[in-house]
N, C-alpha and C. Protein backbone atom coordinates (compact mmCIF):
# COMPACT_ATOMS: atom_id res chain seq x y z
N UNK A 1 -93.69 88.31 10.22
CA UNK A 1 -94.42 87.04 10.69
C UNK A 1 -92.99 86.03 10.29
N UNK A 2 -92.65 85.41 11.49
CA UNK A 2 -91.53 84.44 11.60
C UNK A 2 -91.78 83.22 10.78
N UNK A 3 -90.53 82.49 10.36
CA UNK A 3 -91.18 81.18 10.38
C UNK A 3 -92.18 80.10 10.93
N UNK A 4 -91.44 80.29 12.33
CA UNK A 4 -92.18 79.13 12.98
C UNK A 4 -93.23 80.01 13.57
N UNK A 5 -93.78 81.21 13.43
CA UNK A 5 -95.37 81.72 12.90
C UNK A 5 -96.08 80.91 12.21
N UNK A 6 -95.41 81.21 11.05
CA UNK A 6 -96.01 80.78 9.43
C UNK A 6 -96.05 79.37 9.42
N UNK A 7 -95.33 78.63 9.80
CA UNK A 7 -95.46 77.29 10.09
C UNK A 7 -96.22 76.81 11.22
N UNK A 8 -96.53 77.51 12.60
CA UNK A 8 -97.71 76.85 12.96
C UNK A 8 -98.78 77.25 12.61
N UNK A 9 -99.02 78.61 11.77
CA UNK A 9 -100.47 79.30 11.29
C UNK A 9 -101.12 78.21 10.47
N UNK A 10 -100.06 77.58 9.71
CA UNK A 10 -100.30 76.97 8.40
C UNK A 10 -100.80 75.63 8.95
N UNK A 11 -100.01 74.77 9.84
CA UNK A 11 -100.30 73.54 10.17
C UNK A 11 -101.87 73.68 11.10
N UNK A 12 -102.10 74.74 11.65
CA UNK A 12 -103.20 75.02 12.66
C UNK A 12 -104.65 75.29 11.36
N UNK A 13 -104.49 75.90 10.50
CA UNK A 13 -105.12 76.13 9.52
C UNK A 13 -105.54 74.69 8.55
N UNK A 14 -104.46 73.86 8.29
CA UNK A 14 -104.65 72.76 7.85
C UNK A 14 -105.25 71.83 8.69
N UNK A 15 -105.11 71.78 9.47
CA UNK A 15 -105.81 70.96 10.57
C UNK A 15 -107.42 71.39 10.67
N UNK A 16 -107.98 72.36 10.91
CA UNK A 16 -109.03 73.00 10.97
C UNK A 16 -109.50 72.95 9.44
N UNK A 17 -109.32 72.67 8.30
CA UNK A 17 -109.91 72.62 7.12
C UNK A 17 -109.89 70.82 6.52
N UNK A 18 -109.09 70.35 7.36
CA UNK A 18 -109.23 68.70 7.29
C UNK A 18 -110.39 68.37 8.32
N UNK A 19 -110.64 69.20 9.47
CA UNK A 19 -111.30 68.74 10.51
C UNK A 19 -113.40 69.43 9.51
N UNK A 20 -112.86 70.19 8.67
CA UNK A 20 -114.22 70.71 8.33
C UNK A 20 -114.55 69.97 6.97
N UNK A 21 -113.50 69.56 6.64
CA UNK A 21 -113.80 68.39 5.40
C UNK A 21 -114.27 67.12 5.86
N UNK A 22 -113.75 66.59 6.95
CA UNK A 22 -114.70 65.32 7.58
C UNK A 22 -115.95 65.54 7.83
N UNK A 23 -116.29 66.76 8.50
CA UNK A 23 -117.75 66.98 8.87
C UNK A 23 -118.66 66.86 7.85
N UNK A 24 -118.04 67.86 6.70
CA UNK A 24 -119.07 67.93 5.50
C UNK A 24 -119.28 66.41 4.82
N UNK A 25 -118.50 65.88 4.72
CA UNK A 25 -118.70 64.44 4.31
C UNK A 25 -119.51 63.53 5.21
N UNK A 26 -119.68 64.14 6.38
CA UNK A 26 -120.15 63.38 7.34
C UNK A 26 -121.70 63.74 7.31
N UNK A 27 -121.91 65.17 6.84
CA UNK A 27 -123.26 65.76 6.80
C UNK A 27 -123.79 65.37 5.56
N UNK A 28 -123.05 64.86 4.30
CA UNK A 28 -123.96 64.52 3.28
C UNK A 28 -124.21 62.60 3.08
N UNK A 29 -123.10 62.16 4.04
CA UNK A 29 -123.23 60.88 3.48
C UNK A 29 -123.53 59.86 5.02
N UNK A 30 -124.79 60.83 5.60
CA UNK A 30 -125.26 59.76 6.86
C UNK A 30 -126.81 59.74 7.04
N UNK A 31 -127.51 59.25 7.58
CA UNK A 31 -128.98 59.13 7.44
C UNK A 31 -129.16 60.58 8.49
N UNK A 32 -130.51 60.50 8.61
CA UNK A 32 -131.26 61.98 8.86
C UNK A 32 -130.97 62.18 10.58
N UNK A 33 -131.13 61.20 11.05
CA UNK A 33 -131.16 61.59 12.47
C UNK A 33 -129.38 61.49 12.76
N UNK A 34 -128.49 61.02 12.26
CA UNK A 34 -127.24 61.12 12.39
C UNK A 34 -126.52 62.59 11.57
N UNK A 35 -127.07 63.15 10.81
CA UNK A 35 -126.76 64.24 10.22
C UNK A 35 -127.18 65.49 10.65
N UNK A 36 -128.04 65.49 11.56
CA UNK A 36 -128.56 66.72 12.38
C UNK A 36 -127.50 67.05 13.12
N UNK A 37 -126.36 65.77 13.73
CA UNK A 37 -125.44 65.97 14.43
C UNK A 37 -124.18 66.29 13.55
N UNK A 38 -124.46 65.74 12.49
CA UNK A 38 -122.92 65.93 11.57
C UNK A 38 -123.02 67.53 10.96
N UNK A 39 -124.46 68.05 10.87
CA UNK A 39 -124.34 69.67 10.88
C UNK A 39 -124.07 70.23 11.74
N UNK A 40 -124.50 70.37 12.92
CA UNK A 40 -123.56 70.72 14.24
C UNK A 40 -122.49 70.79 14.36
N UNK A 41 -121.88 69.62 13.81
CA UNK A 41 -120.28 69.72 14.01
C UNK A 41 -119.87 70.53 13.03
N UNK A 42 -120.16 70.54 11.56
CA UNK A 42 -119.89 71.40 10.32
C UNK A 42 -119.69 73.04 10.92
N UNK A 43 -120.85 73.08 11.56
CA UNK A 43 -120.86 74.76 12.28
C UNK A 43 -119.84 75.21 12.92
N UNK A 44 -119.65 74.41 14.01
CA UNK A 44 -118.62 74.52 14.86
C UNK A 44 -116.69 74.15 14.27
N UNK A 45 -116.85 73.31 13.28
CA UNK A 45 -116.02 73.21 12.16
C UNK A 45 -115.68 74.33 11.34
N UNK A 46 -116.66 75.42 10.70
CA UNK A 46 -116.55 76.45 9.70
C UNK A 46 -116.09 77.72 10.61
N UNK A 47 -116.44 77.52 12.03
CA UNK A 47 -115.52 78.54 13.09
C UNK A 47 -114.75 78.48 13.45
N UNK A 48 -114.22 77.20 13.46
CA UNK A 48 -112.61 76.79 13.93
C UNK A 48 -112.13 77.16 12.39
N UNK A 49 -112.09 77.22 11.34
CA UNK A 49 -111.70 77.28 9.88
C UNK A 49 -111.36 78.84 10.19
N UNK A 50 -112.66 79.77 10.37
CA UNK A 50 -112.37 81.12 10.11
C UNK A 50 -111.46 81.59 11.29
N UNK A 51 -111.56 81.31 12.29
CA UNK A 51 -110.48 81.73 13.48
C UNK A 51 -108.84 81.41 12.93
N UNK A 52 -108.88 80.21 12.65
CA UNK A 52 -107.52 79.61 12.04
C UNK A 52 -106.89 80.68 11.27
N UNK A 53 -107.51 81.64 10.45
CA UNK A 53 -107.14 82.75 9.27
C UNK A 53 -106.79 83.57 10.05
N UNK A 54 -107.56 84.14 11.42
CA UNK A 54 -106.75 85.28 11.97
C UNK A 54 -105.64 85.83 11.92
N UNK A 55 -104.92 84.62 12.78
CA UNK A 55 -103.59 84.87 12.64
C UNK A 55 -102.59 85.75 11.07
N UNK A 56 -103.26 84.74 10.08
CA UNK A 56 -102.31 85.16 8.71
C UNK A 56 -102.78 86.98 8.88
N UNK A 57 -103.94 87.44 9.15
CA UNK A 57 -103.78 88.66 9.08
C UNK A 57 -103.83 89.78 9.64
N UNK A 58 -103.58 88.97 10.98
CA UNK A 58 -103.09 89.89 12.21
C UNK A 58 -102.23 89.88 12.93
N UNK A 59 -101.45 88.80 12.35
CA UNK A 59 -99.94 88.42 13.06
C UNK A 59 -99.95 88.44 14.61
N UNK A 60 -101.05 87.93 14.92
CA UNK A 60 -101.16 87.83 16.78
C UNK A 60 -100.55 86.56 17.06
N UNK A 61 -99.26 86.58 17.51
CA UNK A 61 -99.11 85.37 18.38
C UNK A 61 -100.01 84.65 19.33
N UNK A 62 -100.31 85.49 20.21
CA UNK A 62 -101.22 84.67 21.54
C UNK A 62 -102.74 84.09 20.79
N UNK A 63 -103.16 84.90 19.92
CA UNK A 63 -104.35 84.29 19.12
C UNK A 63 -103.98 83.09 18.36
N UNK A 64 -102.74 83.31 17.51
CA UNK A 64 -102.05 81.72 17.09
C UNK A 64 -102.23 80.85 17.87
N UNK A 65 -101.69 81.14 19.65
CA UNK A 65 -101.47 79.78 20.39
C UNK A 65 -102.93 79.24 21.14
N UNK A 66 -103.74 80.41 20.96
CA UNK A 66 -105.08 79.84 21.41
C UNK A 66 -105.73 78.89 20.17
N UNK A 67 -105.60 79.12 18.81
CA UNK A 67 -106.35 78.81 18.24
C UNK A 67 -105.57 77.27 17.74
N UNK A 68 -104.55 77.30 17.79
CA UNK A 68 -103.40 76.02 17.73
C UNK A 68 -103.51 75.15 19.09
N UNK A 69 -103.54 75.66 19.93
CA UNK A 69 -103.92 74.71 21.11
C UNK A 69 -105.53 74.18 21.36
N UNK A 70 -106.34 74.74 20.92
CA UNK A 70 -107.49 74.59 20.68
C UNK A 70 -107.57 73.43 19.46
N UNK A 71 -106.89 73.67 18.41
CA UNK A 71 -107.25 72.27 17.66
C UNK A 71 -106.11 71.22 17.94
N UNK A 72 -105.66 71.40 18.62
CA UNK A 72 -104.44 70.16 19.46
C UNK A 72 -105.80 69.31 20.00
N UNK A 73 -106.64 69.85 20.91
CA UNK A 73 -107.08 69.33 21.75
C UNK A 73 -108.21 68.60 20.47
N UNK A 74 -108.80 68.94 19.87
CA UNK A 74 -109.54 68.61 18.36
C UNK A 74 -108.98 67.37 17.98
N UNK A 75 -107.57 67.28 17.51
CA UNK A 75 -106.87 66.21 16.89
C UNK A 75 -106.69 65.33 18.29
N UNK A 76 -106.36 65.41 19.50
CA UNK A 76 -106.47 64.48 20.51
C UNK A 76 -107.68 63.93 20.69
N UNK A 77 -109.18 64.39 20.66
CA UNK A 77 -110.68 64.17 20.84
C UNK A 77 -110.66 63.09 19.55
N UNK A 78 -110.13 63.36 18.13
CA UNK A 78 -110.37 62.69 17.18
C UNK A 78 -109.78 61.49 17.43
N UNK A 79 -108.36 61.71 17.91
CA UNK A 79 -107.79 60.51 17.76
C UNK A 79 -108.11 59.33 18.58
N UNK A 80 -108.85 59.93 19.98
CA UNK A 80 -109.74 59.16 21.13
C UNK A 80 -110.71 58.28 20.01
N UNK A 81 -111.46 59.07 19.28
CA UNK A 81 -112.38 58.62 18.88
C UNK A 81 -111.99 57.21 17.36
N UNK A 82 -111.12 57.72 16.83
CA UNK A 82 -110.24 56.69 16.29
C UNK A 82 -110.17 55.37 16.98
N UNK A 83 -109.12 55.84 18.03
CA UNK A 83 -108.91 54.26 18.84
C UNK A 83 -110.62 53.42 19.37
N UNK A 84 -111.47 54.34 19.70
CA UNK A 84 -112.72 53.81 20.10
C UNK A 84 -113.25 52.88 18.94
N UNK A 85 -113.51 53.48 17.71
CA UNK A 85 -113.90 53.10 17.01
C UNK A 85 -113.19 51.59 16.11
N UNK A 86 -111.64 51.75 16.36
CA UNK A 86 -110.92 50.81 15.95
C UNK A 86 -110.50 51.01 14.37
N UNK A 87 -110.39 52.23 13.90
CA UNK A 87 -109.75 52.45 12.85
C UNK A 87 -108.76 53.07 12.68
N UNK A 88 -107.45 52.55 12.15
CA UNK A 88 -106.08 52.78 12.31
C UNK A 88 -106.12 54.42 11.58
N UNK A 89 -106.52 54.18 10.35
CA UNK A 89 -106.39 55.68 10.20
C UNK A 89 -107.03 56.77 10.86
N UNK A 90 -108.25 56.95 11.70
CA UNK A 90 -108.47 58.06 11.57
C UNK A 90 -108.24 57.84 13.45
N UNK A 91 -107.45 57.11 13.71
CA UNK A 91 -106.46 57.09 14.89
C UNK A 91 -105.00 58.12 14.53
N UNK A 92 -104.10 57.47 13.89
CA UNK A 92 -103.02 57.98 13.53
C UNK A 92 -103.02 59.10 12.48
N UNK A 93 -104.07 59.50 11.89
CA UNK A 93 -104.16 60.79 11.19
C UNK A 93 -104.12 62.03 12.07
N UNK A 94 -105.01 61.52 12.91
CA UNK A 94 -105.16 63.15 13.93
C UNK A 94 -104.07 63.49 15.04
N UNK A 95 -103.58 61.86 15.27
CA UNK A 95 -102.75 61.84 16.02
C UNK A 95 -101.26 62.59 15.63
N UNK A 96 -100.81 62.05 14.53
CA UNK A 96 -100.12 62.69 13.89
C UNK A 96 -99.81 64.28 13.58
N UNK A 97 -100.92 64.68 13.39
CA UNK A 97 -101.85 66.15 13.55
C UNK A 97 -101.39 66.74 14.23
N UNK A 98 -101.90 66.29 15.58
CA UNK A 98 -101.83 66.66 17.02
C UNK A 98 -100.30 66.77 17.60
N UNK A 99 -99.42 65.64 17.19
CA UNK A 99 -97.89 65.88 17.13
C UNK A 99 -97.55 67.19 16.66
N UNK A 100 -97.81 67.15 15.10
CA UNK A 100 -97.08 68.25 14.83
C UNK A 100 -97.60 69.40 14.92
N UNK A 101 -98.67 69.95 15.22
CA UNK A 101 -99.26 71.00 15.58
C UNK A 101 -98.47 71.40 16.79
N UNK A 102 -98.38 70.34 17.38
CA UNK A 102 -97.91 70.81 19.35
C UNK A 102 -96.60 70.99 18.66
N UNK A 103 -95.60 70.58 17.88
CA UNK A 103 -94.32 70.80 17.86
C UNK A 103 -93.83 72.00 17.34
N UNK A 104 -95.20 72.63 16.07
CA UNK A 104 -95.11 73.89 15.79
C UNK A 104 -95.55 75.07 16.71
N UNK A 105 -96.00 74.89 17.73
CA UNK A 105 -96.67 75.69 18.90
C UNK A 105 -95.30 75.44 19.60
N UNK A 106 -94.39 74.39 20.09
CA UNK A 106 -93.41 74.51 20.99
C UNK A 106 -92.13 75.59 19.88
N UNK A 107 -91.99 75.07 18.63
CA UNK A 107 -90.85 76.07 18.09
C UNK A 107 -91.57 77.27 18.11
N UNK A 108 -92.79 77.70 18.05
CA UNK A 108 -93.21 79.30 18.30
C UNK A 108 -93.02 79.70 19.65
N UNK A 109 -92.72 79.32 20.26
CA UNK A 109 -92.52 79.81 22.06
C UNK A 109 -91.20 79.64 22.13
N UNK A 110 -90.38 78.93 21.21
CA UNK A 110 -89.21 78.79 21.27
C UNK A 110 -88.23 80.26 21.33
């Protein structure tokens, strides 16, 4: 595995784990009606964490490209949510992660 591959895989996995962390926090810190939605979000976040680990075991560049692009989309959507709720940290954090992940994918493909 090359350095660009490992960098992209690491950024993608970290992004997925951070998303899972926010999902878990929401599940434990919300009211019952909202908690149900947060639990569904956790289920999807667990799936993203699991599939982001696959490239480390397989060395599959196409798999890494797919999950990296998926996480970029997730982070861009999280950025949009941050903008909508007018929370600077919930805007800049995901935006920075999305840009870093995009740069890692470009490096991987170059």
